[in-house]
Amino acid sequence: SSSSSSSSSSEKLLLGITSNTPTRHMESVLPMLDNLHDHFSWFACSQDVKHEKPAVEIFDAAYRQAKFWLPDLEKDEVLHVGDSYACDYC
């Protein structure tokens, strides 16, 4: 029999938000979304980073925040899901 590599059911995803939305929305709206806020480990806002998507600086800031939680994280292990081709593709 052959074995295949698969993710363990105990593995969890690290979730974060990278947004051009002002910080006030991140701090006030997300916590009201039925504990959705609790599922995210980090938030990179363009207002804090001083660069908006699709600038590489905001994605680099998000990556640095993710590495706080997963120090061995490589950039090719990151998946970004967006809703704007103009802002989310770089």
Protein backbone atom coordinates (compact mmCIF):
# COMPACT_ATOMS: atom_id res chain seq x y z
CA SER A 1 0.00 0.00 0.00
CA SER A 2 1.17 3.52 -0.59
CA SER A 3 0.77 6.42 1.73
CA SER A 4 -0.04 9.93 0.71
CA SER A 5 0.77 13.17 2.42
CA SER A 6 -2.28 14.92 3.78
CA SER A 7 -3.06 17.54 6.35
CA SER A 8 -3.84 16.36 9.81
CA SER A 9 -7.31 17.12 11.08
CA SER A 10 -5.65 18.82 14.04
CA GLU A 11 -3.99 21.43 11.80
CA LYS A 12 -5.63 24.83 11.81
CA LEU A 13 -5.46 27.74 9.47
CA LEU A 14 -3.97 31.05 10.51
CA LEU A 15 -6.31 33.79 9.36
CA GLY A 16 -5.63 37.48 9.04
CA ILE A 17 -7.09 40.50 7.32
CA THR A 18 -5.28 42.81 4.91
CA SER A 19 -7.52 45.73 4.10
CA ASN A 20 -7.71 49.22 2.66
CA THR A 21 -10.59 49.75 5.10
CA PRO A 22 -9.89 52.39 7.76
CA THR A 23 -8.72 51.13 11.15
CA ARG A 24 -11.92 52.33 12.83
CA HIS A 25 -13.91 49.77 10.82
CA MET A 26 -11.58 46.98 11.84
CA GLU A 27 -11.90 47.97 15.49
CA SER A 28 -15.63 48.65 15.58
CA VAL A 29 -17.41 46.60 12.91
CA LEU A 30 -15.59 43.25 12.94
CA PRO A 31 -16.09 42.57 16.66
CA MET A 32 -19.87 42.84 16.10
CA LEU A 33 -19.95 40.07 13.47
CA ASP A 34 -20.93 37.09 15.60
CA ASN A 35 -17.46 36.31 16.95
CA LEU A 36 -15.98 36.44 13.44
CA HIS A 37 -13.34 38.78 14.87
CA ASP A 38 -12.13 35.98 17.15
CA HIS A 39 -11.07 33.84 14.16
CA PHE A 40 -8.45 36.32 12.93
CA SER A 41 -4.97 36.48 14.42
CA TRP A 42 -3.84 39.71 12.79
CA PHE A 43 -5.06 42.78 10.91
CA ALA A 44 -3.02 44.81 8.44
CA CYS A 45 -4.77 48.08 7.61
CA SER A 46 -3.58 50.46 4.92
CA GLN A 47 -4.09 53.35 7.33
CA ASP A 48 -1.52 51.86 9.73
CA VAL A 49 0.88 50.63 7.04
CA LYS A 50 0.64 53.89 5.04
CA HIS A 51 0.23 51.93 1.80
CA GLU A 52 -2.90 50.59 0.13
CA LYS A 53 -3.33 47.33 -1.72
CA PRO A 54 -1.98 46.40 -4.21
CA ALA A 55 1.26 48.01 -2.95
CA VAL A 56 3.79 45.38 -1.90
CA GLU A 57 4.33 47.17 1.42
CA ILE A 58 0.90 46.26 2.80
CA PHE A 59 1.31 42.61 1.81
CA ASP A 60 4.79 42.59 3.38
CA ALA A 61 3.31 44.03 6.58
CA ALA A 62 0.65 41.31 6.60
CA TYR A 63 3.31 38.65 6.07
CA ARG A 64 5.39 39.99 8.97
CA GLN A 65 2.33 39.86 11.22
CA ALA A 66 1.56 36.31 10.14
CA LYS A 67 5.16 35.29 10.88
CA PHE A 68 4.65 36.42 14.48
CA TRP A 69 2.22 33.51 14.83
CA LEU A 70 4.09 31.10 12.53
CA PRO A 71 7.81 31.99 12.60
CA ASP A 72 8.68 29.37 9.97
CA LEU A 73 6.03 30.60 7.51
CA GLU A 74 7.27 31.01 3.94
CA LYS A 75 5.69 33.42 1.47
CA ASP A 76 4.73 30.57 -0.86
CA GLU A 77 2.57 29.13 1.94
CA VAL A 78 0.34 32.21 2.08
CA LEU A 79 -2.99 32.42 0.30
CA HIS A 80 -4.63 35.79 -0.21
CA VAL A 81 -8.33 35.85 -1.05
CA GLY A 82 -9.69 39.15 -2.26
CA ASP A 83 -12.76 40.67 -3.80
CA SER A 84 -11.16 43.29 -6.05
CA TYR A 85 -8.93 42.33 -8.95
CA ALA A 86 -7.51 45.88 -9.07
CA CYS A 87 -6.56 45.91 -5.38
CA ASP A 88 -5.94 42.27 -4.52
CA TYR A 89 -3.74 41.09 -7.36
CA CYS A 90 -0.06 41.94 -7.27
